[in-house]
Amino acid sequence: MNFVLYIQGIENGFYTYSSDNQRYCVGDHVWVNFRSAKKIGIILYEDMASNHEFKINKILGKVEEQLPYSCDLIKLFLWIKKYYLCNFGDVIGVSRPKDIKISYSKRIIFNKGIIPMNKNE
């Protein structure tokens, strides 16, 4: 399956990348090789064309530290880019606060009460 991606920091268009499995969704942040450098791309939509006159590189993997954009938000970003004739990077740049820090933590919640093993527990 082929996807059209925006590569962060590259403002001159969108690029097509492929994936052997379908575990990627629109809005996901993915790792790709771009001009011999590892960069982050955002999946914008699926490419339905079957024949391309250029080589299509593979997506390396999903960026786990980034929250994905929703499909509706990606559609809105593409509309803003087209309507206001601006770079997609500018639209993405103003979509989230600049100094936002995202951290993950694991939390375990037991559904049933814990039965103590002895009086001290």
PDB file of N, CA and C in Angstrom:
ATOM      1  N   MET A   1       0.844  -1.172   0.000  1.00  0.00           N
ATOM      2  CA  MET A   1       0.000   0.000   0.000  1.00  0.00           C
ATOM      3  C   MET A   1       0.889   1.235   0.000  1.00  0.00           C
ATOM      4  N   ASN A   2       0.500   2.223  -0.799  1.00  0.00           N
ATOM      5  CA  ASN A   2       1.258   3.465  -0.905  1.00  0.00           C
ATOM      6  C   ASN A   2       0.562   4.583  -0.144  1.00  0.00           C
ATOM      7  N   PHE A   3       1.375   5.462   0.434  1.00  0.00           N
ATOM      8  CA  PHE A   3       0.865   6.607   1.181  1.00  0.00           C
ATOM      9  C   PHE A   3       1.550   7.872   0.689  1.00  0.00           C
ATOM     10  N   VAL A   4       0.827   8.983   0.725  1.00  0.00           N
ATOM     11  CA  VAL A   4       1.398  10.291   0.429  1.00  0.00           C
ATOM     12  C   VAL A   4       1.727  10.942   1.754  1.00  0.00           C
ATOM     13  N   LEU A   5       2.977  11.414   1.875  1.00  0.00           N
ATOM     14  CA  LEU A   5       3.473  11.950   3.136  1.00  0.00           C
ATOM     15  C   LEU A   5       3.955  13.382   2.990  1.00  0.00           C
ATOM     16  N   TYR A   6       3.829  14.113   4.069  1.00  0.00           N
ATOM     17  CA  TYR A   6       4.529  15.386   4.233  1.00  0.00           C
ATOM     18  C   TYR A   6       5.763  15.077   5.059  1.00  0.00           C
ATOM     19  N   ILE A   7       6.935  15.458   4.572  1.00  0.00           N
ATOM     20  CA  ILE A   7       8.192  15.253   5.294  1.00  0.00           C
ATOM     21  C   ILE A   7       8.499  16.536   6.052  1.00  0.00           C
ATOM     22  N   GLN A   8       8.641  16.432   7.372  1.00  0.00           N
ATOM     23  CA  GLN A   8       8.878  17.622   8.190  1.00  0.00           C
ATOM     24  C   GLN A   8      10.178  18.302   7.787  1.00  0.00           C
ATOM     25  N   GLY A   9      10.079  19.601   7.555  1.00  0.00           N
ATOM     26  CA  GLY A   9      11.236  20.398   7.170  1.00  0.00           C
ATOM     27  C   GLY A   9      11.429  20.512   5.667  1.00  0.00           C
ATOM     28  N   ILE A  10      10.688  19.770   4.867  1.00  0.00           N
ATOM     29  CA  ILE A  10      10.783  19.826   3.409  1.00  0.00           C
ATOM     30  C   ILE A  10       9.504  20.471   2.885  1.00  0.00           C
ATOM     31  N   GLU A  11       9.619  21.679   2.354  1.00  0.00           N
ATOM     32  CA  GLU A  11       8.428  22.466   2.024  1.00  0.00           C
ATOM     33  C   GLU A  11       8.061  22.461   0.543  1.00  0.00           C
ATOM     34  N   ASN A  12       8.735  21.654  -0.277  1.00  0.00           N
ATOM     35  CA  ASN A  12       8.458  21.745  -1.714  1.00  0.00           C
ATOM     36  C   ASN A  12       7.577  20.624  -2.246  1.00  0.00           C
ATOM     37  N   GLY A  13       6.697  20.068  -1.428  1.00  0.00           N
ATOM     38  CA  GLY A  13       5.754  19.085  -1.943  1.00  0.00           C
ATOM     39  C   GLY A  13       5.549  17.907  -1.016  1.00  0.00           C
ATOM     40  N   PHE A  14       4.759  16.967  -1.515  1.00  0.00           N
ATOM     41  CA  PHE A  14       4.474  15.735  -0.789  1.00  0.00           C
ATOM     42  C   PHE A  14       5.178  14.588  -1.498  1.00  0.00           C
ATOM     43  N   TYR A  15       5.389  13.489  -0.775  1.00  0.00           N
ATOM     44  CA  TYR A  15       6.158  12.366  -1.303  1.00  0.00           C
ATOM     45  C   TYR A  15       5.418  11.063  -1.064  1.00  0.00           C
ATOM     46  N   THR A  16       5.608  10.126  -1.974  1.00  0.00           N
ATOM     47  CA  THR A  16       4.948   8.835  -1.898  1.00  0.00           C
ATOM     48  C   THR A  16       5.903   7.807  -1.308  1.00  0.00           C
ATOM     49  N   TYR A  17       5.422   7.078  -0.312  1.00  0.00           N
ATOM     50  CA  TYR A  17       6.160   5.989   0.322  1.00  0.00           C
ATOM     51  C   TYR A  17       5.244   4.779   0.409  1.00  0.00           C
ATOM     52  N   SER A  18       5.850   3.606   0.532  1.00  0.00           N
ATOM     53  CA  SER A  18       5.047   2.382   0.563  1.00  0.00           C
ATOM     54  C   SER A  18       5.257   1.632   1.868  1.00  0.00           C
ATOM     55  N   SER A  19       4.328   0.719   2.113  1.00  0.00           N
ATOM     56  CA  SER A  19       4.386  -0.135   3.293  1.00  0.00           C
ATOM     57  C   SER A  19       3.912  -1.522   2.889  1.00  0.00           C
ATOM     58  N   ASP A  20       4.616  -2.541   3.382  1.00  0.00           N
ATOM     59  CA  ASP A  20       4.223  -3.918   3.069  1.00  0.00           C
ATOM     60  C   ASP A  20       2.984  -4.336   3.845  1.00  0.00           C
ATOM     61  N   ASN A  21       2.851  -3.817   5.042  1.00  0.00           N
ATOM     62  CA  ASN A  21       1.664  -4.151   5.835  1.00  0.00           C
ATOM     63  C   ASN A  21       0.818  -2.894   5.998  1.00  0.00           C
ATOM     64  N   GLN A  22      -0.403  -3.052   6.425  1.00  0.00           N
ATOM     65  CA  GLN A  22      -1.328  -1.930   6.505  1.00  0.00           C
ATOM     66  C   GLN A  22      -1.514  -1.461   7.939  1.00  0.00           C
ATOM     67  N   ARG A  23      -0.446  -1.370   8.694  1.00  0.00           N
ATOM     68  CA  ARG A  23      -0.577  -0.966  10.092  1.00  0.00           C
ATOM     69  C   ARG A  23      -0.485   0.540  10.288  1.00  0.00           C
ATOM     70  N   TYR A  24      -0.394   1.284   9.201  1.00  0.00           N
ATOM     71  CA  TYR A  24      -0.313   2.738   9.292  1.00  0.00           C
ATOM     72  C   TYR A  24      -1.653   3.354   8.932  1.00  0.00           C
ATOM     73  N   CYS A  25      -1.962   4.460   9.585  1.00  0.00           N
ATOM     74  CA  CYS A  25      -3.218   5.166   9.343  1.00  0.00           C
ATOM     75  C   CYS A  25      -2.917   6.606   8.952  1.00  0.00           C
ATOM     76  N   VAL A  26      -3.885   7.249   8.360  1.00  0.00           N
ATOM     77  CA  VAL A  26      -3.760   8.669   8.034  1.00  0.00           C
ATOM     78  C   VAL A  26      -3.561   9.441   9.335  1.00  0.00           C
ATOM     79  N   GLY A  27      -2.575  10.327   9.344  1.00  0.00           N
ATOM     80  CA  GLY A  27      -2.269  11.127  10.528  1.00  0.00           C
ATOM     81  C   GLY A  27      -1.115  10.595  11.350  1.00  0.00           C
ATOM     82  N   ASP A  28      -0.665   9.379  11.075  1.00  0.00           N
ATOM     83  CA  ASP A  28       0.452   8.800  11.827  1.00  0.00           C
ATOM     84  C   ASP A  28       1.765   9.489  11.465  1.00  0.00           C
ATOM     85  N   HIS A  29       2.644   9.597  12.441  1.00  0.00           N
ATOM     86  CA  HIS A  29       4.010  10.061  12.223  1.00  0.00           C
ATOM     87  C   HIS A  29       4.862   8.823  11.975  1.00  0.00           C
ATOM     88  N   VAL A  30       5.653   8.843  10.886  1.00  0.00           N
ATOM     89  CA  VAL A  30       6.455   7.682  10.516  1.00  0.00           C
ATOM     90  C   VAL A  30       7.886   8.108  10.205  1.00  0.00           C
ATOM     91  N   TRP A  31       8.803   7.163  10.359  1.00  0.00           N
ATOM     92  CA  TRP A  31      10.201   7.361   9.990  1.00  0.00           C
ATOM     93  C   TRP A  31      10.381   6.971   8.529  1.00  0.00           C
ATOM     94  N   VAL A  32      11.089   7.808   7.756  1.00  0.00           N
ATOM     95  CA  VAL A  32      11.388   7.517   6.358  1.00  0.00           C
ATOM     96  C   VAL A  32      12.817   7.956   6.053  1.00  0.00           C
ATOM     97  N   ASN A  33      13.399   7.343   5.028  1.00  0.00           N
ATOM     98  CA  ASN A  33      14.671   7.818   4.500  1.00  0.00           C
ATOM     99  C   ASN A  33      14.377   8.856   3.434  1.00  0.00           C
ATOM    100  N   PHE A  34      14.966  10.035   3.581  1.00  0.00           N
ATOM    101  CA  PHE A  34      14.781  11.105   2.608  1.00  0.00           C
ATOM    102  C   PHE A  34      16.143  11.683   2.286  1.00  0.00           C
ATOM    103  N   ARG A  35      16.600  11.457   1.073  1.00  0.00           N
ATOM    104  CA  ARG A  35      17.919  11.925   0.633  1.00  0.00           C
ATOM    105  C   ARG A  35      19.005  11.488   1.602  1.00  0.00           C
ATOM    106  N   SER A  36      19.035  10.226   1.898  1.00  0.00           N
ATOM    107  CA  SER A  36      20.015   9.566   2.774  1.00  0.00           C
ATOM    108  C   SER A  36      20.014  10.103   4.210  1.00  0.00           C
ATOM    109  N   ALA A  37      18.914  10.666   4.640  1.00  0.00           N
ATOM    110  CA  ALA A  37      18.759  11.101   6.032  1.00  0.00           C
ATOM    111  C   ALA A  37      17.446  10.547   6.568  1.00  0.00           C
ATOM    112  N   LYS A  38      17.449  10.182   7.843  1.00  0.00           N
ATOM    113  CA  LYS A  38      16.241   9.667   8.476  1.00  0.00           C
ATOM    114  C   LYS A  38      15.395  10.847   8.944  1.00  0.00           C
ATOM    115  N   LYS A  39      14.176  10.945   8.418  1.00  0.00           N
ATOM    116  CA  LYS A  39      13.298  12.070   8.734  1.00  0.00           C
ATOM    117  C   LYS A  39      11.936  11.559   9.186  1.00  0.00           C
ATOM    118  N   ILE A  40      11.167  12.469   9.789  1.00  0.00           N
ATOM    119  CA  ILE A  40       9.807  12.152  10.218  1.00  0.00           C
ATOM    120  C   ILE A  40       8.841  12.663   9.158  1.00  0.00           C
ATOM    121  N   GLY A  41       7.896  11.796   8.790  1.00  0.00           N
ATOM    122  CA  GLY A  41       6.850  12.167   7.849  1.00  0.00           C
ATOM    123  C   GLY A  41       5.483  11.978   8.485  1.00  0.00           C
ATOM    124  N   ILE A  42       4.501  12.678   7.959  1.00  0.00           N
ATOM    125  CA  ILE A  42       3.119  12.553   8.419  1.00  0.00           C
ATOM    126  C   ILE A  42       2.299  12.006   7.254  1.00  0.00           C
ATOM    127  N   ILE A  43       1.592  10.913   7.483  1.00  0.00           N
ATOM    128  CA  ILE A  43       0.769  10.310   6.435  1.00  0.00           C
ATOM    129  C   ILE A  43      -0.459  11.182   6.209  1.00  0.00           C
ATOM    130  N   LEU A  44      -0.629  11.631   4.952  1.00  0.00           N
ATOM    131  CA  LEU A  44      -1.735  12.519   4.614  1.00  0.00           C
ATOM    132  C   LEU A  44      -2.918  11.765   4.025  1.00  0.00           C
ATOM    133  N   TYR A  45      -2.645  10.818   3.149  1.00  0.00           N
ATOM    134  CA  TYR A  45      -3.718  10.011   2.558  1.00  0.00           C
ATOM    135  C   TYR A  45      -3.102   8.822   1.830  1.00  0.00           C
ATOM    136  N   GLU A  46      -3.950   7.859   1.493  1.00  0.00           N
ATOM    137  CA  GLU A  46      -3.511   6.695   0.743  1.00  0.00           C
ATOM    138  C   GLU A  46      -3.429   7.062  -0.735  1.00  0.00           C
ATOM    139  N   ASP A  47      -2.394   6.560  -1.402  1.00  0.00           N
ATOM    140  CA  ASP A  47      -2.213   6.786  -2.825  1.00  0.00           C
ATOM    141  C   ASP A  47      -2.849   5.615  -3.562  1.00  0.00           C
ATOM    142  N   MET A  48      -3.906   5.874  -4.291  1.00  0.00           N
ATOM    143  CA  MET A  48      -4.645   4.813  -4.974  1.00  0.00           C
ATOM    144  C   MET A  48      -4.056   4.452  -6.337  1.00  0.00           C
ATOM    145  N   ALA A  49      -3.132   5.251  -6.850  1.00  0.00           N
ATOM    146  CA  ALA A  49      -2.523   4.961  -8.155  1.00  0.00           C
ATOM    147  C   ALA A  49      -1.677   3.700  -8.058  1.00  0.00           C
ATOM    148  N   SER A  50      -1.712   2.895  -9.095  1.00  0.00           N
ATOM    149  CA  SER A  50      -0.962   1.635  -9.068  1.00  0.00           C
ATOM    150  C   SER A  50       0.349   1.710  -9.830  1.00  0.00           C
ATOM    151  N   ASN A  51       0.423   2.546 -10.846  1.00  0.00           N
ATOM    152  CA  ASN A  51       1.640   2.653 -11.652  1.00  0.00           C
ATOM    153  C   ASN A  51       2.300   4.003 -11.426  1.00  0.00           C
ATOM    154  N   HIS A  52       3.557   3.946 -11.024  1.00  0.00           N
ATOM    155  CA  HIS A  52       4.337   5.172 -10.835  1.00  0.00           C
ATOM    156  C   HIS A  52       5.582   5.095 -11.692  1.00  0.00           C
ATOM    157  N   GLU A  53       6.010   6.230 -12.183  1.00  0.00           N
ATOM    158  CA  GLU A  53       7.209   6.291 -13.020  1.00  0.00           C
ATOM    159  C   GLU A  53       8.458   6.562 -12.202  1.00  0.00           C
ATOM    160  N   PHE A  54       8.359   6.448 -10.910  1.00  0.00           N
ATOM    161  CA  PHE A  54       9.486   6.722 -10.029  1.00  0.00           C
ATOM    162  C   PHE A  54       9.577   5.619  -8.984  1.00  0.00           C
ATOM    163  N   LYS A  55      10.742   5.550  -8.363  1.00  0.00           N
ATOM    164  CA  LYS A  55      10.967   4.546  -7.316  1.00  0.00           C
ATOM    165  C   LYS A  55      10.282   4.996  -6.034  1.00  0.00           C
ATOM    166  N   ILE A  56       9.605   4.056  -5.387  1.00  0.00           N
ATOM    167  CA  ILE A  56       8.911   4.358  -4.136  1.00  0.00           C
ATOM    168  C   ILE A  56       9.678   3.699  -2.993  1.00  0.00           C
ATOM    169  N   ASN A  57      10.134   4.505  -2.051  1.00  0.00           N
ATOM    170  CA  ASN A  57      10.856   3.987  -0.891  1.00  0.00           C
ATOM    171  C   ASN A  57       9.884   3.469   0.162  1.00  0.00           C
ATOM    172  N   LYS A  58      10.410   2.675   1.073  1.00  0.00           N
ATOM    173  CA  LYS A  58       9.598   2.059   2.124  1.00  0.00           C
ATOM    174  C   LYS A  58       9.563   2.951   3.368  1.00  0.00           C
ATOM    175  N   ILE A  59       8.448   2.865   4.087  1.00  0.00           N
ATOM    176  CA  ILE A  59       8.340   3.484   5.403  1.00  0.00           C
ATOM    177  C   ILE A  59       9.124   2.623   6.376  1.00  0.00           C
ATOM    178  N   LEU A  60       9.958   3.242   7.204  1.00  0.00           N
ATOM    179  CA  LEU A  60      10.826   2.491   8.123  1.00  0.00           C
ATOM    180  C   LEU A  60      10.088   2.046   9.383  1.00  0.00           C
ATOM    181  N   GLY A  61       9.187   2.853   9.882  1.00  0.00           N
ATOM    182  CA  GLY A  61       8.468   2.508  11.104  1.00  0.00           C
ATOM    183  C   GLY A  61       7.689   3.693  11.637  1.00  0.00           C
ATOM    184  N   LYS A  62       6.905   3.420  12.656  1.00  0.00           N
ATOM    185  CA  LYS A  62       6.064   4.450  13.266  1.00  0.00           C
ATOM    186  C   LYS A  62       6.843   5.169  14.366  1.00  0.00           C
ATOM    187  N   VAL A  63       6.646   6.476  14.475  1.00  0.00           N
ATOM    188  CA  VAL A  63       7.242   7.273  15.546  1.00  0.00           C
ATOM    189  C   VAL A  63       6.327   7.136  16.754  1.00  0.00           C
ATOM    190  N   GLU A  64       6.798   6.491  17.790  1.00  0.00           N
ATOM    191  CA  GLU A  64       5.957   6.198  18.951  1.00  0.00           C
ATOM    192  C   GLU A  64       5.769   7.397  19.876  1.00  0.00           C
ATOM    193  N   GLU A  65       6.678   8.372  19.841  1.00  0.00           N
ATOM    194  CA  GLU A  65       6.622   9.488  20.771  1.00  0.00           C
ATOM    195  C   GLU A  65       5.640  10.575  20.351  1.00  0.00           C
ATOM    196  N   GLN A  66       5.095  10.489  19.143  1.00  0.00           N
ATOM    197  CA  GLN A  66       4.224  11.532  18.616  1.00  0.00           C
ATOM    198  C   GLN A  66       2.769  11.074  18.610  1.00  0.00           C
ATOM    199  N   LEU A  67       1.877  11.961  18.978  1.00  0.00           N
ATOM    200  CA  LEU A  67       0.453  11.677  18.888  1.00  0.00           C
ATOM    201  C   LEU A  67       0.002  11.849  17.442  1.00  0.00           C
ATOM    202  N   PRO A  68      -0.812  10.935  16.916  1.00  0.00           N
ATOM    203  CA  PRO A  68      -1.260  11.073  15.528  1.00  0.00           C
ATOM    204  C   PRO A  68      -2.313  12.166  15.379  1.00  0.00           C
ATOM    205  N   TYR A  69      -2.392  12.720  14.178  1.00  0.00           N
ATOM    206  CA  TYR A  69      -3.460  13.655  13.839  1.00  0.00           C
ATOM    207  C   TYR A  69      -4.675  12.846  13.392  1.00  0.00           C
ATOM    208  N   SER A  70      -5.867  13.348  13.619  1.00  0.00           N
ATOM    209  CA  SER A  70      -7.068  12.662  13.159  1.00  0.00           C
ATOM    210  C   SER A  70      -7.232  12.880  11.648  1.00  0.00           C
ATOM    211  N   CYS A  71      -8.021  12.019  11.014  1.00  0.00           N
ATOM    212  CA  CYS A  71      -8.286  12.152   9.572  1.00  0.00           C
ATOM    213  C   CYS A  71      -8.955  13.490   9.262  1.00  0.00           C
ATOM    214  N   ASP A  72      -9.898  13.891  10.112  1.00  0.00           N
ATOM    215  CA  ASP A  72     -10.589  15.162   9.891  1.00  0.00           C
ATOM    216  C   ASP A  72      -9.643  16.347   9.998  1.00  0.00           C
ATOM    217  N   LEU A  73      -8.699  16.267  10.916  1.00  0.00           N
ATOM    218  CA  LEU A  73      -7.729  17.346  11.076  1.00  0.00           C
ATOM    219  C   LEU A  73      -6.792  17.422   9.871  1.00  0.00           C
ATOM    220  N   ILE A  74      -6.379  16.278   9.341  1.00  0.00           N
ATOM    221  CA  ILE A  74      -5.535  16.259   8.139  1.00  0.00           C
ATOM    222  C   ILE A  74      -6.302  16.867   6.967  1.00  0.00           C
ATOM    223  N   LYS A  75      -7.587  16.539   6.818  1.00  0.00           N
ATOM    224  CA  LYS A  75      -8.404  17.125   5.750  1.00  0.00           C
ATOM    225  C   LYS A  75      -8.497  18.639   5.917  1.00  0.00           C
ATOM    226  N   LEU A  76      -8.662  19.095   7.152  1.00  0.00           N
ATOM    227  CA  LEU A  76      -8.703  20.531   7.418  1.00  0.00           C
ATOM    228  C   LEU A  76      -7.375  21.191   7.051  1.00  0.00           C
ATOM    229  N   PHE A  77      -6.251  20.572   7.427  1.00  0.00           N
ATOM    230  CA  PHE A  77      -4.933  21.122   7.096  1.00  0.00           C
ATOM    231  C   PHE A  77      -4.753  21.242   5.581  1.00  0.00           C
ATOM    232  N   LEU A  78      -5.176  20.210   4.839  1.00  0.00           N
ATOM    233  CA  LEU A  78      -5.044  20.245   3.379  1.00  0.00           C
ATOM    234  C   LEU A  78      -5.934  21.347   2.778  1.00  0.00           C
ATOM    235  N   TRP A  79      -7.124  21.544   3.339  1.00  0.00           N
ATOM    236  CA  TRP A  79      -8.010  22.604   2.865  1.00  0.00           C
ATOM    237  C   TRP A  79      -7.393  23.973   3.144  1.00  0.00           C
ATOM    238  N   ILE A  80      -6.848  24.153   4.344  1.00  0.00           N
ATOM    239  CA  ILE A  80      -6.214  25.435   4.697  1.00  0.00           C
ATOM    240  C   ILE A  80      -5.048  25.724   3.758  1.00  0.00           C
ATOM    241  N   LYS A  81      -4.239  24.711   3.470  1.00  0.00           N
ATOM    242  CA  LYS A  81      -3.106  24.878   2.559  1.00  0.00           C
ATOM    243  C   LYS A  81      -3.567  25.326   1.177  1.00  0.00           C
ATOM    244  N   LYS A  82      -4.622  24.696   0.692  1.00  0.00           N
ATOM    245  CA  LYS A  82      -5.128  25.032  -0.640  1.00  0.00           C
ATOM    246  C   LYS A  82      -5.809  26.404  -0.657  1.00  0.00           C
ATOM    247  N   TYR A  83      -6.617  26.701   0.342  1.00  0.00           N
ATOM    248  CA  TYR A  83      -7.387  27.936   0.369  1.00  0.00           C
ATOM    249  C   TYR A  83      -6.490  29.162   0.557  1.00  0.00           C
ATOM    250  N   TYR A  84      -5.545  29.062   1.493  1.00  0.00           N
ATOM    251  CA  TYR A  84      -4.689  30.211   1.807  1.00  0.00           C
ATOM    252  C   TYR A  84      -3.366  30.208   1.051  1.00  0.00           C
ATOM    253  N   LEU A  85      -3.137  29.197   0.190  1.00  0.00           N
ATOM    254  CA  LEU A  85      -1.923  29.105  -0.624  1.00  0.00           C
ATOM    255  C   LEU A  85      -0.660  29.215   0.229  1.00  0.00           C
ATOM    256  N   CYS A  86      -0.604  28.407   1.271  1.00  0.00           N
ATOM    257  CA  CYS A  86       0.552  28.436   2.162  1.00  0.00           C
ATOM    258  C   CYS A  86       1.219  27.057   2.177  1.00  0.00           C
ATOM    259  N   ASN A  87       2.369  26.995   2.790  1.00  0.00           N
ATOM    260  CA  ASN A  87       3.074  25.718   2.934  1.00  0.00           C
ATOM    261  C   ASN A  87       2.372  24.842   3.957  1.00  0.00           C
ATOM    262  N   PHE A  88       2.417  23.539   3.726  1.00  0.00           N
ATOM    263  CA  PHE A  88       1.810  22.612   4.664  1.00  0.00           C
ATOM    264  C   PHE A  88       2.533  22.668   6.009  1.00  0.00           C
ATOM    265  N   GLY A  89       3.832  22.902   5.983  1.00  0.00           N
ATOM    266  CA  GLY A  89       4.604  23.015   7.215  1.00  0.00           C
ATOM    267  C   GLY A  89       4.152  24.176   8.082  1.00  0.00           C
ATOM    268  N   ASP A  90       3.727  25.268   7.449  1.00  0.00           N
ATOM    269  CA  ASP A  90       3.206  26.407   8.207  1.00  0.00           C
ATOM    270  C   ASP A  90       1.902  26.049   8.906  1.00  0.00           C
ATOM    271  N   VAL A  91       1.054  25.286   8.223  1.00  0.00           N
ATOM    272  CA  VAL A  91      -0.216  24.871   8.818  1.00  0.00           C
ATOM    273  C   VAL A  91       0.034  23.937   9.996  1.00  0.00           C
ATOM    274  N   ILE A  92       0.919  22.971   9.811  1.00  0.00           N
ATOM    275  CA  ILE A  92       1.259  22.041  10.894  1.00  0.00           C
ATOM    276  C   ILE A  92       1.900  22.795  12.057  1.00  0.00           C
ATOM    277  N   GLY A  93       2.738  23.781  11.731  1.00  0.00           N
ATOM    278  CA  GLY A  93       3.455  24.526  12.761  1.00  0.00           C
ATOM    279  C   GLY A  93       2.562  25.266  13.731  1.00  0.00           C
ATOM    280  N   VAL A  94       1.424  25.740  13.264  1.00  0.00           N
ATOM    281  CA  VAL A  94       0.526  26.486  14.143  1.00  0.00           C
ATOM    282  C   VAL A  94      -0.584  25.614  14.721  1.00  0.00           C
ATOM    283  N   SER A  95      -0.567  24.325  14.412  1.00  0.00           N
ATOM    284  CA  SER A  95      -1.655  23.459  14.877  1.00  0.00           C
ATOM    285  C   SER A  95      -1.490  22.998  16.318  1.00  0.00           C
ATOM    286  N   ARG A  96      -0.279  22.982  16.812  1.00  0.00           N
ATOM    287  CA  ARG A  96      -0.018  22.569  18.191  1.00  0.00           C
ATOM    288  C   ARG A  96       0.861  23.611  18.865  1.00  0.00           C
ATOM    289  N   PRO A  97       0.701  23.769  20.162  1.00  0.00           N
ATOM    290  CA  PRO A  97       1.592  24.693  20.879  1.00  0.00           C
ATOM    291  C   PRO A  97       3.052  24.282  20.713  1.00  0.00           C
ATOM    292  N   LYS A  98       3.919  25.255  20.612  1.00  0.00           N
ATOM    293  CA  LYS A  98       5.325  24.981  20.325  1.00  0.00           C
ATOM    294  C   LYS A  98       6.045  24.298  21.487  1.00  0.00           C
ATOM    295  N   ASP A  99       5.768  24.689  22.706  1.00  0.00           N
ATOM    296  CA  ASP A  99       6.502  24.171  23.850  1.00  0.00           C
ATOM    297  C   ASP A  99       5.769  23.047  24.570  1.00  0.00           C
ATOM    298  N   ILE A 100       4.881  22.361  23.884  1.00  0.00           N
ATOM    299  CA  ILE A 100       4.133  21.287  24.536  1.00  0.00           C
ATOM    300  C   ILE A 100       5.061  20.095  24.770  1.00  0.00           C
ATOM    301  N   LYS A 101       4.987  19.549  25.933  1.00  0.00           N
ATOM    302  CA  LYS A 101       5.776  18.374  26.300  1.00  0.00           C
ATOM    303  C   LYS A 101       4.811  17.215  26.514  1.00  0.00           C
ATOM    304  N   ILE A 102       5.028  16.138  25.792  1.00  0.00           N
ATOM    305  CA  ILE A 102       4.175  14.966  25.912  1.00  0.00           C
ATOM    306  C   ILE A 102       4.983  13.870  26.583  1.00  0.00           C
ATOM    307  N   SER A 103       4.434  13.330  27.645  1.00  0.00           N
ATOM    308  CA  SER A 103       5.111  12.217  28.313  1.00  0.00           C
ATOM    309  C   SER A 103       4.100  11.106  28.544  1.00  0.00           C
ATOM    310  N   TYR A 104       4.604   9.902  28.564  1.00  0.00           N
ATOM    311  CA  TYR A 104       3.764   8.734  28.743  1.00  0.00           C
ATOM    312  C   TYR A 104       4.120   8.058  30.051  1.00  0.00           C
ATOM    313  N   SER A 105       3.126   7.508  30.699  1.00  0.00           N
ATOM    314  CA  SER A 105       3.368   6.724  31.904  1.00  0.00           C
ATOM    315  C   SER A 105       2.390   5.565  31.908  1.00  0.00           C
ATOM    316  N   LYS A 106       2.795   4.473  32.509  1.00  0.00           N
ATOM    317  CA  LYS A 106       1.928   3.309  32.601  1.00  0.00           C
ATOM    318  C   LYS A 106       1.199   3.342  33.930  1.00  0.00           C
ATOM    319  N   ARG A 107      -0.065   2.986  33.877  1.00  0.00           N
ATOM    320  CA  ARG A 107      -0.884   2.978  35.072  1.00  0.00           C
ATOM    321  C   ARG A 107      -1.681   1.674  35.073  1.00  0.00           C
ATOM    322  N   ILE A 108      -1.620   0.957  36.169  1.00  0.00           N
ATOM    323  CA  ILE A 108      -2.314  -0.319  36.279  1.00  0.00           C
ATOM    324  C   ILE A 108      -3.461  -0.160  37.266  1.00  0.00           C
ATOM    325  N   ILE A 109      -4.650  -0.516  36.825  1.00  0.00           N
ATOM    326  CA  ILE A 109      -5.836  -0.432  37.674  1.00  0.00           C
ATOM    327  C   ILE A 109      -6.427  -1.832  37.776  1.00  0.00           C
ATOM    328  N   PHE A 110      -6.611  -2.296  38.990  1.00  0.00           N
ATOM    329  CA  PHE A 110      -7.211  -3.600  39.219  1.00  0.00           C
ATOM    330  C   PHE A 110      -8.720  -3.449  39.315  1.00  0.00           C
ATOM    331  N   ASN A 111      -9.452  -4.308  38.630  1.00  0.00           N
ATOM    332  CA  ASN A 111     -10.910  -4.254  38.661  1.00  0.00           C
ATOM    333  C   ASN A 111     -11.479  -4.790  39.968  1.00  0.00           C
ATOM    334  N   LYS A 112     -10.855  -5.795  40.518  1.00  0.00           N
ATOM    335  CA  LYS A 112     -11.339  -6.393  41.762  1.00  0.00           C
ATOM    336  C   LYS A 112     -10.396  -6.005  42.894  1.00  0.00           C
ATOM    337  N   GLY A 113     -10.914  -6.024  44.093  1.00  0.00           N
ATOM    338  CA  GLY A 113     -10.088  -5.700  45.250  1.00  0.00           C
ATOM    339  C   GLY A 113      -8.957  -6.704  45.434  1.00  0.00           C
ATOM    340  N   ILE A 114      -7.865  -6.245  45.963  1.00  0.00           N
ATOM    341  CA  ILE A 114      -6.719  -7.119  46.211  1.00  0.00           C
ATOM    342  C   ILE A 114      -6.908  -7.804  47.569  1.00  0.00           C
ATOM    343  N   ILE A 115      -6.747  -9.091  47.571  1.00  0.00           N
ATOM    344  CA  ILE A 115      -6.863  -9.857  48.808  1.00  0.00           C
ATOM    345  C   ILE A 115      -5.499  -9.865  49.483  1.00  0.00           C
ATOM    346  N   PRO A 116      -5.389  -9.341  50.702  1.00  0.00           N
ATOM    347  CA  PRO A 116      -4.091  -9.292  51.374  1.00  0.00           C
ATOM    348  C   PRO A 116      -3.592 -10.700  51.725  1.00  0.00           C
ATOM    349  N   MET A 117      -2.286 -10.854  51.631  1.00  0.00           N
ATOM    350  CA  MET A 117      -1.668 -12.148  51.941  1.00  0.00           C
ATOM    351  C   MET A 117      -1.484 -12.312  53.448  1.00  0.00           C
ATOM    352  N   ASN A 118      -1.214 -11.209  54.148  1.00  0.00           N
ATOM    353  CA  ASN A 118      -1.068 -11.259  55.609  1.00  0.00           C
ATOM    354  C   ASN A 118      -1.593  -9.948  56.198  1.00  0.00           C
ATOM    355  N   LYS A 119      -1.474  -9.777  57.506  1.00  0.00           N
ATOM    356  CA  LYS A 119      -2.031  -8.592  58.177  1.00  0.00           C
ATOM    357  C   LYS A 119      -1.329  -7.305  57.794  1.00  0.00           C
ATOM    358  N   ASN A 120      -0.057  -7.347  57.373  1.00  0.00           N
ATOM    359  CA  ASN A 120       0.719  -6.151  57.072  1.00  0.00           C
ATOM    360  C   ASN A 120       0.391  -5.572  55.688  1.00  0.00           C
ATOM    361  N   GLU A 121      -0.227  -6.333  54.846  1.00  0.00           N
ATOM    362  CA  GLU A 121      -0.504  -5.847  53.474  1.00  0.00           C
ATOM    363  C   GLU A 121      -1.828  -5.104  53.406  1.00  0.00           C
TER     364      GLU A 121
END
